[in-house]
Amino acid sequence: EATRLHNDANILAMGARVVGPGLANKIVDTFLDTEFSGVERHK
């Protein structure tokens, strides 16, 4: 969420040896459903 809000990240990277499928899908949802905040300091 933070990397979308603050950094306008356009790629999510995950480690298959770090997160399992359930958590990975929640991370994907959060990344895809969060828009860049557009706040001036972040822009």
PDB file of all heavy atoms in Angstrom:
ATOM      1  N   GLU A   1       0.830  -1.205   0.000  1.00  0.00           N
ATOM      2  CA  GLU A   1       0.000   0.000   0.000  1.00  0.00           C
ATOM      3  C   GLU A   1       0.867   1.260   0.000  1.00  0.00           C
ATOM      4  O   GLU A   1       0.640   2.196  -0.771  1.00  0.00           O
ATOM      5  CB  GLU A   1      -0.928   0.008   1.215  1.00  0.00           C
ATOM      6  CG  GLU A   1      -1.819   1.230   1.269  1.00  0.00           C
ATOM      7  CD  GLU A   1      -2.731   1.248   2.477  1.00  0.00           C
ATOM      8  OE1 GLU A   1      -2.318   0.774   3.568  1.00  0.00           O
ATOM      9  OE2 GLU A   1      -3.865   1.732   2.334  1.00  0.00           O
ATOM     10  N   ALA A   2       1.879   1.272   0.841  1.00  0.00           N
ATOM     11  CA  ALA A   2       2.736   2.452   0.965  1.00  0.00           C
ATOM     12  C   ALA A   2       3.494   2.736  -0.327  1.00  0.00           C
ATOM     13  O   ALA A   2       3.631   3.908  -0.718  1.00  0.00           O
ATOM     14  CB  ALA A   2       3.706   2.284   2.130  1.00  0.00           C
ATOM     15  N   THR A   3       3.968   1.707  -1.000  1.00  0.00           N
ATOM     16  CA  THR A   3       4.741   1.954  -2.216  1.00  0.00           C
ATOM     17  C   THR A   3       3.867   2.471  -3.350  1.00  0.00           C
ATOM     18  O   THR A   3       4.329   3.194  -4.220  1.00  0.00           O
ATOM     19  CB  THR A   3       5.560   0.719  -2.646  1.00  0.00           C
ATOM     20  OG1 THR A   3       6.592   1.147  -3.532  1.00  0.00           O
ATOM     21  CG2 THR A   3       4.705  -0.342  -3.327  1.00  0.00           C
ATOM     22  N   ARG A   4       2.596   2.134  -3.326  1.00  0.00           N
ATOM     23  CA  ARG A   4       1.670   2.711  -4.317  1.00  0.00           C
ATOM     24  C   ARG A   4       1.316   4.151  -3.926  1.00  0.00           C
ATOM     25  O   ARG A   4       1.373   5.055  -4.753  1.00  0.00           O
ATOM     26  CB  ARG A   4       0.395   1.869  -4.420  1.00  0.00           C
ATOM     27  CG  ARG A   4       0.593   0.553  -5.128  1.00  0.00           C
ATOM     28  CD  ARG A   4       0.867   0.714  -6.621  1.00  0.00           C
ATOM     29  NE  ARG A   4      -0.181   1.529  -7.215  1.00  0.00           N
ATOM     30  CZ  ARG A   4       0.030   2.549  -8.064  1.00  0.00           C
ATOM     31  NH1 ARG A   4       1.250   2.870  -8.429  1.00  0.00           N
ATOM     32  NH2 ARG A   4      -0.980   3.254  -8.538  1.00  0.00           N
ATOM     33  N   LEU A   5       0.964   4.367  -2.670  1.00  0.00           N
ATOM     34  CA  LEU A   5       0.572   5.698  -2.207  1.00  0.00           C
ATOM     35  C   LEU A   5       1.698   6.714  -2.335  1.00  0.00           C
ATOM     36  O   LEU A   5       1.479   7.833  -2.787  1.00  0.00           O
ATOM     37  CB  LEU A   5       0.127   5.644  -0.742  1.00  0.00           C
ATOM     38  CG  LEU A   5      -1.223   5.026  -0.435  1.00  0.00           C
ATOM     39  CD1 LEU A   5      -1.390   4.864   1.068  1.00  0.00           C
ATOM     40  CD2 LEU A   5      -2.358   5.864  -1.024  1.00  0.00           C
ATOM     41  N   HIS A   6       2.897   6.337  -1.934  1.00  0.00           N
ATOM     42  CA  HIS A   6       4.004   7.279  -1.813  1.00  0.00           C
ATOM     43  C   HIS A   6       4.970   7.265  -2.992  1.00  0.00           C
ATOM     44  O   HIS A   6       5.537   8.308  -3.319  1.00  0.00           O
ATOM     45  CB  HIS A   6       4.802   7.011  -0.539  1.00  0.00           C
ATOM     46  CG  HIS A   6       3.994   7.191   0.706  1.00  0.00           C
ATOM     47  ND1 HIS A   6       4.572   7.134   1.952  1.00  0.00           N
ATOM     48  CD2 HIS A   6       2.687   7.412   0.924  1.00  0.00           C
ATOM     49  CE1 HIS A   6       3.645   7.317   2.875  1.00  0.00           C
ATOM     50  NE2 HIS A   6       2.487   7.491   2.260  1.00  0.00           N
ATOM     51  N   ASN A   7       5.214   6.097  -3.582  1.00  0.00           N
ATOM     52  CA  ASN A   7       6.239   5.963  -4.622  1.00  0.00           C
ATOM     53  C   ASN A   7       5.674   5.771  -6.016  1.00  0.00           C
ATOM     54  O   ASN A   7       6.435   5.714  -6.979  1.00  0.00           O
ATOM     55  CB  ASN A   7       7.177   4.786  -4.317  1.00  0.00           C
ATOM     56  CG  ASN A   7       7.678   4.777  -2.903  1.00  0.00           C
ATOM     57  OD1 ASN A   7       7.447   3.817  -2.167  1.00  0.00           O
ATOM     58  ND2 ASN A   7       8.358   5.843  -2.496  1.00  0.00           N
ATOM     59  N   ASP A   8       4.359   5.595  -6.126  1.00  0.00           N
ATOM     60  CA  ASP A   8       3.724   5.302  -7.411  1.00  0.00           C
ATOM     61  C   ASP A   8       4.435   4.135  -8.096  1.00  0.00           C
ATOM     62  O   ASP A   8       4.693   4.158  -9.307  1.00  0.00           O
ATOM     63  CB  ASP A   8       3.701   6.547  -8.311  1.00  0.00           C
ATOM     64  CG  ASP A   8       2.710   6.433  -9.461  1.00  0.00           C
ATOM     65  OD1 ASP A   8       1.811   5.557  -9.405  1.00  0.00           O
ATOM     66  OD2 ASP A   8       2.831   7.210 -10.422  1.00  0.00           O
ATOM     67  N   ALA A   9       4.786   3.111  -7.315  1.00  0.00           N
ATOM     68  CA  ALA A   9       5.466   1.941  -7.864  1.00  0.00           C
ATOM     69  C   ALA A   9       4.601   1.325  -8.955  1.00  0.00           C
ATOM     70  O   ALA A   9       3.384   1.227  -8.821  1.00  0.00           O
ATOM     71  CB  ALA A   9       5.747   0.916  -6.773  1.00  0.00           C
ATOM     72  N   ASN A  10       5.255   0.928 -10.052  1.00  0.00           N
ATOM     73  CA  ASN A  10       4.509   0.315 -11.142  1.00  0.00           C
ATOM     74  C   ASN A  10       4.772  -1.179 -11.280  1.00  0.00           C
ATOM     75  O   ASN A  10       4.145  -1.838 -12.112  1.00  0.00           O
ATOM     76  CB  ASN A  10       4.724   1.063 -12.461  1.00  0.00           C
ATOM     77  CG  ASN A  10       6.165   1.381 -12.759  1.00  0.00           C
ATOM     78  OD1 ASN A  10       7.083   0.783 -12.193  1.00  0.00           O
ATOM     79  ND2 ASN A  10       6.378   2.337 -13.646  1.00  0.00           N
ATOM     80  N   ILE A  11       5.675  -1.701 -10.476  1.00  0.00           N
ATOM     81  CA  ILE A  11       5.906  -3.144 -10.437  1.00  0.00           C
ATOM     82  C   ILE A  11       5.994  -3.599  -8.984  1.00  0.00           C
ATOM     83  O   ILE A  11       6.719  -3.017  -8.180  1.00  0.00           O
ATOM     84  CB  ILE A  11       7.192  -3.558 -11.175  1.00  0.00           C
ATOM     85  CG1 ILE A  11       7.076  -3.257 -12.677  1.00  0.00           C
ATOM     86  CG2 ILE A  11       7.490  -5.046 -10.957  1.00  0.00           C
ATOM     87  CD1 ILE A  11       8.304  -3.632 -13.493  1.00  0.00           C
ATOM     88  N   LEU A  12       5.263  -4.653  -8.687  1.00  0.00           N
ATOM     89  CA  LEU A  12       5.345  -5.351  -7.405  1.00  0.00           C
ATOM     90  C   LEU A  12       6.267  -6.541  -7.591  1.00  0.00           C
ATOM     91  O   LEU A  12       6.092  -7.333  -8.527  1.00  0.00           O
ATOM     92  CB  LEU A  12       3.947  -5.848  -6.998  1.00  0.00           C
ATOM     93  CG  LEU A  12       3.881  -6.872  -5.870  1.00  0.00           C
ATOM     94  CD1 LEU A  12       4.357  -6.274  -4.554  1.00  0.00           C
ATOM     95  CD2 LEU A  12       2.469  -7.423  -5.753  1.00  0.00           C
ATOM     96  N   ALA A  13       7.250  -6.680  -6.724  1.00  0.00           N
ATOM     97  CA  ALA A  13       8.120  -7.851  -6.736  1.00  0.00           C
ATOM     98  C   ALA A  13       7.929  -8.603  -5.429  1.00  0.00           C
ATOM     99  O   ALA A  13       7.802  -7.993  -4.361  1.00  0.00           O
ATOM    100  CB  ALA A  13       9.582  -7.439  -6.907  1.00  0.00           C
ATOM    101  N   MET A  14       7.883  -9.924  -5.540  1.00  0.00           N
ATOM    102  CA  MET A  14       7.717 -10.770  -4.355  1.00  0.00           C
ATOM    103  C   MET A  14       8.665 -11.947  -4.428  1.00  0.00           C
ATOM    104  O   MET A  14       9.083 -12.367  -5.509  1.00  0.00           O
ATOM    105  CB  MET A  14       6.276 -11.282  -4.255  1.00  0.00           C
ATOM    106  CG  MET A  14       5.244 -10.211  -4.039  1.00  0.00           C
ATOM    107  SD  MET A  14       3.576 -10.888  -3.768  1.00  0.00           S
ATOM    108  CE  MET A  14       3.217 -11.562  -5.396  1.00  0.00           C
ATOM    109  N   GLY A  15       8.944 -12.496  -3.247  1.00  0.00           N
ATOM    110  CA  GLY A  15       9.793 -13.666  -3.150  1.00  0.00           C
ATOM    111  C   GLY A  15       8.976 -14.906  -2.857  1.00  0.00           C
ATOM    112  O   GLY A  15       8.288 -14.971  -1.843  1.00  0.00           O
ATOM    113  N   ALA A  16       9.063 -15.886  -3.736  1.00  0.00           N
ATOM    114  CA  ALA A  16       8.324 -17.133  -3.550  1.00  0.00           C
ATOM    115  C   ALA A  16       8.836 -17.915  -2.348  1.00  0.00           C
ATOM    116  O   ALA A  16       8.110 -18.740  -1.796  1.00  0.00           O
ATOM    117  CB  ALA A  16       8.418 -17.996  -4.810  1.00  0.00           C
ATOM    118  N   ARG A  17      10.070 -17.648  -1.940  1.00  0.00           N
ATOM    119  CA  ARG A  17      10.624 -18.303  -0.755  1.00  0.00           C
ATOM    120  C   ARG A  17      10.377 -17.479   0.499  1.00  0.00           C
ATOM    121  O   ARG A  17      10.827 -17.846   1.583  1.00  0.00           O
ATOM    122  CB  ARG A  17      12.120 -18.538  -0.949  1.00  0.00           C
ATOM    123  CG  ARG A  17      12.418 -19.487  -2.100  1.00  0.00           C
ATOM    124  CD  ARG A  17      13.899 -19.655  -2.334  1.00  0.00           C
ATOM    125  NE  ARG A  17      14.112 -20.561  -3.454  1.00  0.00           N
ATOM    126  CZ  ARG A  17      15.070 -20.429  -4.359  1.00  0.00           C
ATOM    127  NH1 ARG A  17      15.916 -19.400  -4.265  1.00  0.00           N
ATOM    128  NH2 ARG A  17      15.201 -21.282  -5.341  1.00  0.00           N
ATOM    129  N   VAL A  18       9.650 -16.362   0.345  1.00  0.00           N
ATOM    130  CA  VAL A  18       9.399 -15.441   1.449  1.00  0.00           C
ATOM    131  C   VAL A  18       7.922 -15.424   1.835  1.00  0.00           C
ATOM    132  O   VAL A  18       7.592 -15.407   3.014  1.00  0.00           O
ATOM    133  CB  VAL A  18       9.871 -14.009   1.082  1.00  0.00           C
ATOM    134  CG1 VAL A  18       9.588 -13.029   2.201  1.00  0.00           C
ATOM    135  CG2 VAL A  18      11.353 -14.014   0.717  1.00  0.00           C
ATOM    136  N   VAL A  19       7.038 -15.395   0.840  1.00  0.00           N
ATOM    137  CA  VAL A  19       5.597 -15.336   1.097  1.00  0.00           C
ATOM    138  C   VAL A  19       4.897 -16.539   0.473  1.00  0.00           C
ATOM    139  O   VAL A  19       5.307 -17.021  -0.583  1.00  0.00           O
ATOM    140  CB  VAL A  19       4.960 -14.030   0.566  1.00  0.00           C
ATOM    141  CG1 VAL A  19       5.558 -12.820   1.244  1.00  0.00           C
ATOM    142  CG2 VAL A  19       5.077 -13.916  -0.939  1.00  0.00           C
ATOM    143  N   GLY A  20       3.859 -17.004   1.125  1.00  0.00           N
ATOM    144  CA  GLY A  20       3.044 -18.082   0.593  1.00  0.00           C
ATOM    145  C   GLY A  20       1.946 -17.533  -0.299  1.00  0.00           C
ATOM    146  O   GLY A  20       1.729 -16.323  -0.373  1.00  0.00           O
ATOM    147  N   PRO A  21       1.207 -18.424  -0.955  1.00  0.00           N
ATOM    148  CA  PRO A  21       0.179 -17.994  -1.902  1.00  0.00           C
ATOM    149  C   PRO A  21      -0.918 -17.117  -1.295  1.00  0.00           C
ATOM    150  O   PRO A  21      -1.343 -16.147  -1.926  1.00  0.00           O
ATOM    151  CB  PRO A  21      -0.415 -19.299  -2.425  1.00  0.00           C
ATOM    152  CG  PRO A  21       0.583 -20.347  -2.120  1.00  0.00           C
ATOM    153  CD  PRO A  21       1.361 -19.878  -0.933  1.00  0.00           C
ATOM    154  N   GLY A  22      -1.387 -17.435  -0.107  1.00  0.00           N
ATOM    155  CA  GLY A  22      -2.452 -16.647   0.505  1.00  0.00           C
ATOM    156  C   GLY A  22      -2.033 -15.221   0.741  1.00  0.00           C
ATOM    157  O   GLY A  22      -2.740 -14.269   0.366  1.00  0.00           O
ATOM    158  N   LEU A  23      -0.877 -15.035   1.359  1.00  0.00           N
ATOM    159  CA  LEU A  23      -0.369 -13.688   1.604  1.00  0.00           C
ATOM    160  C   LEU A  23      -0.030 -13.000   0.295  1.00  0.00           C
ATOM    161  O   LEU A  23      -0.317 -11.818   0.114  1.00  0.00           O
ATOM    162  CB  LEU A  23       0.854 -13.728   2.529  1.00  0.00           C
ATOM    163  CG  LEU A  23       1.521 -12.388   2.827  1.00  0.00           C
ATOM    164  CD1 LEU A  23       0.528 -11.376   3.408  1.00  0.00           C
ATOM    165  CD2 LEU A  23       2.714 -12.588   3.758  1.00  0.00           C
ATOM    166  N   ALA A  24       0.570 -13.726  -0.635  1.00  0.00           N
ATOM    167  CA  ALA A  24       0.927 -13.130  -1.927  1.00  0.00           C
ATOM    168  C   ALA A  24      -0.300 -12.539  -2.609  1.00  0.00           C
ATOM    169  O   ALA A  24      -0.248 -11.421  -3.127  1.00  0.00           O
ATOM    170  CB  ALA A  24       1.595 -14.163  -2.825  1.00  0.00           C
ATOM    171  N   ASN A  25      -1.401 -13.251  -2.600  1.00  0.00           N
ATOM    172  CA  ASN A  25      -2.612 -12.749  -3.250  1.00  0.00           C
ATOM    173  C   ASN A  25      -3.171 -11.519  -2.540  1.00  0.00           C
ATOM    174  O   ASN A  25      -3.683 -10.605  -3.184  1.00  0.00           O
ATOM    175  CB  ASN A  25      -3.661 -13.851  -3.361  1.00  0.00           C
ATOM    176  CG  ASN A  25      -3.273 -14.888  -4.397  1.00  0.00           C
ATOM    177  OD1 ASN A  25      -2.542 -14.611  -5.335  1.00  0.00           O
ATOM    178  ND2 ASN A  25      -3.775 -16.097  -4.229  1.00  0.00           N
ATOM    179  N   LYS A  26      -3.042 -11.459  -1.225  1.00  0.00           N
ATOM    180  CA  LYS A  26      -3.464 -10.258  -0.499  1.00  0.00           C
ATOM    181  C   LYS A  26      -2.565  -9.070  -0.840  1.00  0.00           C
ATOM    182  O   LYS A  26      -3.036  -7.943  -0.983  1.00  0.00           O
ATOM    183  CB  LYS A  26      -3.449 -10.516   1.008  1.00  0.00           C
ATOM    184  CG  LYS A  26      -4.552 -11.444   1.476  1.00  0.00           C
ATOM    185  CD  LYS A  26      -4.463 -11.713   2.963  1.00  0.00           C
ATOM    186  CE  LYS A  26      -5.529 -12.708   3.374  1.00  0.00           C
ATOM    187  NZ  LYS A  26      -5.419 -13.079   4.791  1.00  0.00           N
ATOM    188  N   ILE A  27      -1.271  -9.330  -0.964  1.00  0.00           N
ATOM    189  CA  ILE A  27      -0.324  -8.278  -1.348  1.00  0.00           C
ATOM    190  C   ILE A  27      -0.648  -7.787  -2.758  1.00  0.00           C
ATOM    191  O   ILE A  27      -0.672  -6.579  -3.017  1.00  0.00           O
ATOM    192  CB  ILE A  27       1.131  -8.783  -1.243  1.00  0.00           C
ATOM    193  CG1 ILE A  27       1.503  -9.060   0.220  1.00  0.00           C
ATOM    194  CG2 ILE A  27       2.101  -7.788  -1.875  1.00  0.00           C
ATOM    195  CD1 ILE A  27       2.808  -9.820   0.392  1.00  0.00           C
ATOM    196  N   VAL A  28      -0.921  -8.710  -3.668  1.00  0.00           N
ATOM    197  CA  VAL A  28      -1.296  -8.354  -5.040  1.00  0.00           C
ATOM    198  C   VAL A  28      -2.538  -7.466  -5.035  1.00  0.00           C
ATOM    199  O   VAL A  28      -2.584  -6.428  -5.689  1.00  0.00           O
ATOM    200  CB  VAL A  28      -1.510  -9.615  -5.898  1.00  0.00           C
ATOM    201  CG1 VAL A  28      -2.240  -9.298  -7.197  1.00  0.00           C
ATOM    202  CG2 VAL A  28      -0.181 -10.299  -6.178  1.00  0.00           C
ATOM    203  N   ASP A  29      -3.562  -7.878  -4.286  1.00  0.00           N
ATOM    204  CA  ASP A  29      -4.795  -7.087  -4.217  1.00  0.00           C
ATOM    205  C   ASP A  29      -4.524  -5.678  -3.708  1.00  0.00           C
ATOM    206  O   ASP A  29      -5.017  -4.695  -4.266  1.00  0.00           O
ATOM    207  CB  ASP A  29      -5.827  -7.764  -3.307  1.00  0.00           C
ATOM    208  CG  ASP A  29      -6.441  -9.002  -3.933  1.00  0.00           C
ATOM    209  OD1 ASP A  29      -6.298  -9.210  -5.155  1.00  0.00           O
ATOM    210  OD2 ASP A  29      -7.067  -9.775  -3.178  1.00  0.00           O
ATOM    211  N   THR A  30      -3.739  -5.584  -2.656  1.00  0.00           N
ATOM    212  CA  THR A  30      -3.420  -4.274  -2.081  1.00  0.00           C
ATOM    213  C   THR A  30      -2.679  -3.416  -3.098  1.00  0.00           C
ATOM    214  O   THR A  30      -3.012  -2.239  -3.294  1.00  0.00           O
ATOM    215  CB  THR A  30      -2.582  -4.436  -0.799  1.00  0.00           C
ATOM    216  OG1 THR A  30      -3.313  -5.237   0.132  1.00  0.00           O
ATOM    217  CG2 THR A  30      -2.255  -3.092  -0.176  1.00  0.00           C
ATOM    218  N   PHE A  31      -1.698  -3.983  -3.759  1.00  0.00           N
ATOM    219  CA  PHE A  31      -0.908  -3.259  -4.756  1.00  0.00           C
ATOM    220  C   PHE A  31      -1.790  -2.788  -5.910  1.00  0.00           C
ATOM    221  O   PHE A  31      -1.718  -1.628  -6.324  1.00  0.00           O
ATOM    222  CB  PHE A  31       0.226  -4.150  -5.278  1.00  0.00           C
ATOM    223  CG  PHE A  31       1.136  -3.477  -6.257  1.00  0.00           C
ATOM    224  CD1 PHE A  31       2.153  -2.653  -5.829  1.00  0.00           C
ATOM    225  CD2 PHE A  31       0.974  -3.680  -7.615  1.00  0.00           C
ATOM    226  CE1 PHE A  31       2.998  -2.024  -6.739  1.00  0.00           C
ATOM    227  CE2 PHE A  31       1.807  -3.067  -8.536  1.00  0.00           C
ATOM    228  CZ  PHE A  31       2.822  -2.232  -8.101  1.00  0.00           C
ATOM    229  N   LEU A  32      -2.633  -3.657  -6.423  1.00  0.00           N
ATOM    230  CA  LEU A  32      -3.456  -3.314  -7.581  1.00  0.00           C
ATOM    231  C   LEU A  32      -4.595  -2.362  -7.239  1.00  0.00           C
ATOM    232  O   LEU A  32      -5.010  -1.561  -8.076  1.00  0.00           O
ATOM    233  CB  LEU A  32      -4.012  -4.582  -8.230  1.00  0.00           C
ATOM    234  CG  LEU A  32      -2.975  -5.527  -8.842  1.00  0.00           C
ATOM    235  CD1 LEU A  32      -3.664  -6.765  -9.382  1.00  0.00           C
ATOM    236  CD2 LEU A  32      -2.162  -4.829  -9.933  1.00  0.00           C
ATOM    237  N   ASP A  33      -5.107  -2.442  -6.031  1.00  0.00           N
ATOM    238  CA  ASP A  33      -6.275  -1.647  -5.643  1.00  0.00           C
ATOM    239  C   ASP A  33      -5.921  -0.281  -5.046  1.00  0.00           C
ATOM    240  O   ASP A  33      -6.816   0.519  -4.793  1.00  0.00           O
ATOM    241  CB  ASP A  33      -7.140  -2.423  -4.650  1.00  0.00           C
ATOM    242  CG  ASP A  33      -7.741  -3.682  -5.266  1.00  0.00           C
ATOM    243  OD1 ASP A  33      -7.776  -3.788  -6.508  1.00  0.00           O
ATOM    244  OD2 ASP A  33      -8.167  -4.564  -4.501  1.00  0.00           O
ATOM    245  N   THR A  34      -4.651  -0.014  -4.830  1.00  0.00           N
ATOM    246  CA  THR A  34      -4.220   1.256  -4.237  1.00  0.00           C
ATOM    247  C   THR A  34      -3.705   2.181  -5.328  1.00  0.00           C
ATOM    248  O   THR A  34      -2.858   1.793  -6.129  1.00  0.00           O
ATOM    249  CB  THR A  34      -3.111   1.024  -3.185  1.00  0.00           C
ATOM    250  OG1 THR A  34      -3.580   0.108  -2.203  1.00  0.00           O
ATOM    251  CG2 THR A  34      -2.704   2.331  -2.523  1.00  0.00           C
ATOM    252  N   GLU A  35      -4.228   3.389  -5.348  1.00  0.00           N
ATOM    253  CA  GLU A  35      -3.791   4.390  -6.321  1.00  0.00           C
ATOM    254  C   GLU A  35      -2.733   5.295  -5.683  1.00  0.00           C
ATOM    255  O   GLU A  35      -2.683   5.443  -4.464  1.00  0.00           O
ATOM    256  CB  GLU A  35      -4.974   5.225  -6.793  1.00  0.00           C
ATOM    257  CG  GLU A  35      -6.000   4.433  -7.599  1.00  0.00           C
ATOM    258  CD  GLU A  35      -5.436   3.831  -8.872  1.00  0.00           C
ATOM    259  OE1 GLU A  35      -4.574   4.465  -9.508  1.00  0.00           O
ATOM    260  OE2 GLU A  35      -5.853   2.710  -9.226  1.00  0.00           O
ATOM    261  N   PHE A  36      -1.930   5.917  -6.516  1.00  0.00           N
ATOM    262  CA  PHE A  36      -0.949   6.898  -6.072  1.00  0.00           C
ATOM    263  C   PHE A  36      -1.685   8.061  -5.416  1.00  0.00           C
ATOM    264  O   PHE A  36      -2.696   8.534  -5.939  1.00  0.00           O
ATOM    265  CB  PHE A  36      -0.122   7.378  -7.261  1.00  0.00           C
ATOM    266  CG  PHE A  36       0.901   8.429  -6.940  1.00  0.00           C
ATOM    267  CD1 PHE A  36       1.815   8.255  -5.914  1.00  0.00           C
ATOM    268  CD2 PHE A  36       0.969   9.588  -7.679  1.00  0.00           C
ATOM    269  CE1 PHE A  36       2.773   9.214  -5.624  1.00  0.00           C
ATOM    270  CE2 PHE A  36       1.921  10.560  -7.416  1.00  0.00           C
ATOM    271  CZ  PHE A  36       2.823  10.363  -6.389  1.00  0.00           C
ATOM    272  N   SER A  37      -1.187   8.522  -4.286  1.00  0.00           N
ATOM    273  CA  SER A  37      -1.875   9.572  -3.536  1.00  0.00           C
ATOM    274  C   SER A  37      -1.894  10.911  -4.268  1.00  0.00           C
ATOM    275  O   SER A  37      -2.819  11.696  -4.099  1.00  0.00           O
ATOM    276  CB  SER A  37      -1.231   9.761  -2.159  1.00  0.00           C
ATOM    277  OG  SER A  37       0.047  10.359  -2.293  1.00  0.00           O
ATOM    278  N   GLY A  38      -0.850  11.180  -5.043  1.00  0.00           N
ATOM    279  CA  GLY A  38      -0.768  12.453  -5.743  1.00  0.00           C
ATOM    280  C   GLY A  38      -0.406  13.625  -4.848  1.00  0.00           C
ATOM    281  O   GLY A  38      -0.346  14.764  -5.313  1.00  0.00           O
ATOM    282  N   VAL A  39      -0.171  13.358  -3.565  1.00  0.00           N
ATOM    283  CA  VAL A  39       0.227  14.417  -2.636  1.00  0.00           C
ATOM    284  C   VAL A  39       1.512  15.048  -3.169  1.00  0.00           C
ATOM    285  O   VAL A  39       2.428  14.347  -3.619  1.00  0.00           O
ATOM    286  CB  VAL A  39       0.429  13.843  -1.214  1.00  0.00           C
ATOM    287  CG1 VAL A  39       1.030  14.871  -0.280  1.00  0.00           C
ATOM    288  CG2 VAL A  39      -0.886  13.304  -0.674  1.00  0.00           C
ATOM    289  N   GLU A  40       1.588  16.369  -3.106  1.00  0.00           N
ATOM    290  CA  GLU A  40       2.694  17.110  -3.724  1.00  0.00           C
ATOM    291  C   GLU A  40       4.075  16.596  -3.298  1.00  0.00           C
ATOM    292  O   GLU A  40       4.956  16.433  -4.135  1.00  0.00           O
ATOM    293  CB  GLU A  40       2.572  18.610  -3.439  1.00  0.00           C
ATOM    294  CG  GLU A  40       3.673  19.441  -4.065  1.00  0.00           C
ATOM    295  CD  GLU A  40       3.813  19.254  -5.579  1.00  0.00           C
ATOM    296  OE1 GLU A  40       2.781  19.096  -6.268  1.00  0.00           O
ATOM    297  OE2 GLU A  40       4.959  19.237  -6.072  1.00  0.00           O
ATOM    298  N   ARG A  41       4.279  16.349  -2.011  1.00  0.00           N
ATOM    299  CA  ARG A  41       5.621  15.911  -1.583  1.00  0.00           C
ATOM    300  C   ARG A  41       5.968  14.548  -2.187  1.00  0.00           C
ATOM    301  O   ARG A  41       7.121  14.299  -2.535  1.00  0.00           O
ATOM    302  CB  ARG A  41       5.740  15.904  -0.060  1.00  0.00           C
ATOM    303  CG  ARG A  41       4.984  14.821   0.662  1.00  0.00           C
ATOM    304  CD  ARG A  41       5.218  14.903   2.184  1.00  0.00           C
ATOM    305  NE  ARG A  41       4.532  13.849   2.887  1.00  0.00           N
ATOM    306  CZ  ARG A  41       3.266  13.891   3.285  1.00  0.00           C
ATOM    307  NH1 ARG A  41       2.540  14.960   3.035  1.00  0.00           N
ATOM    308  NH2 ARG A  41       2.733  12.868   3.921  1.00  0.00           N
ATOM    309  N   HIS A  42       4.985  13.678  -2.347  1.00  0.00           N
ATOM    310  CA  HIS A  42       5.246  12.363  -2.953  1.00  0.00           C
ATOM    311  C   HIS A  42       5.483  12.505  -4.458  1.00  0.00           C
ATOM    312  O   HIS A  42       6.367  11.847  -5.012  1.00  0.00           O
ATOM    313  CB  HIS A  42       4.097  11.404  -2.660  1.00  0.00           C
ATOM    314  CG  HIS A  42       3.902  11.141  -1.204  1.00  0.00           C
ATOM    315  ND1 HIS A  42       4.928  10.756  -0.363  1.00  0.00           N
ATOM    316  CD2 HIS A  42       2.798  11.217  -0.431  1.00  0.00           C
ATOM    317  CE1 HIS A  42       4.468  10.611   0.860  1.00  0.00           C
ATOM    318  NE2 HIS A  42       3.175  10.889   0.851  1.00  0.00           N
ATOM    319  N   LYS A  43       4.713  13.356  -5.098  1.00  0.00           N
ATOM    320  CA  LYS A  43       4.903  13.601  -6.528  1.00  0.00           C
ATOM    321  C   LYS A  43       6.292  14.171  -6.778  1.00  0.00           C
ATOM    322  O   LYS A  43       6.991  13.750  -7.700  1.00  0.00           O
ATOM    323  CB  LYS A  43       3.828  14.542  -7.056  1.00  0.00           C
ATOM    324  CG  LYS A  43       3.896  14.764  -8.547  1.00  0.00           C
ATOM    325  CD  LYS A  43       2.798  15.683  -9.027  1.00  0.00           C
ATOM    326  CE  LYS A  43       2.872  15.962 -10.495  1.00  0.00           C
ATOM    327  NZ  LYS A  43       4.171  16.082 -11.082  1.00  0.00           N
TER     328      LYS A  43
END
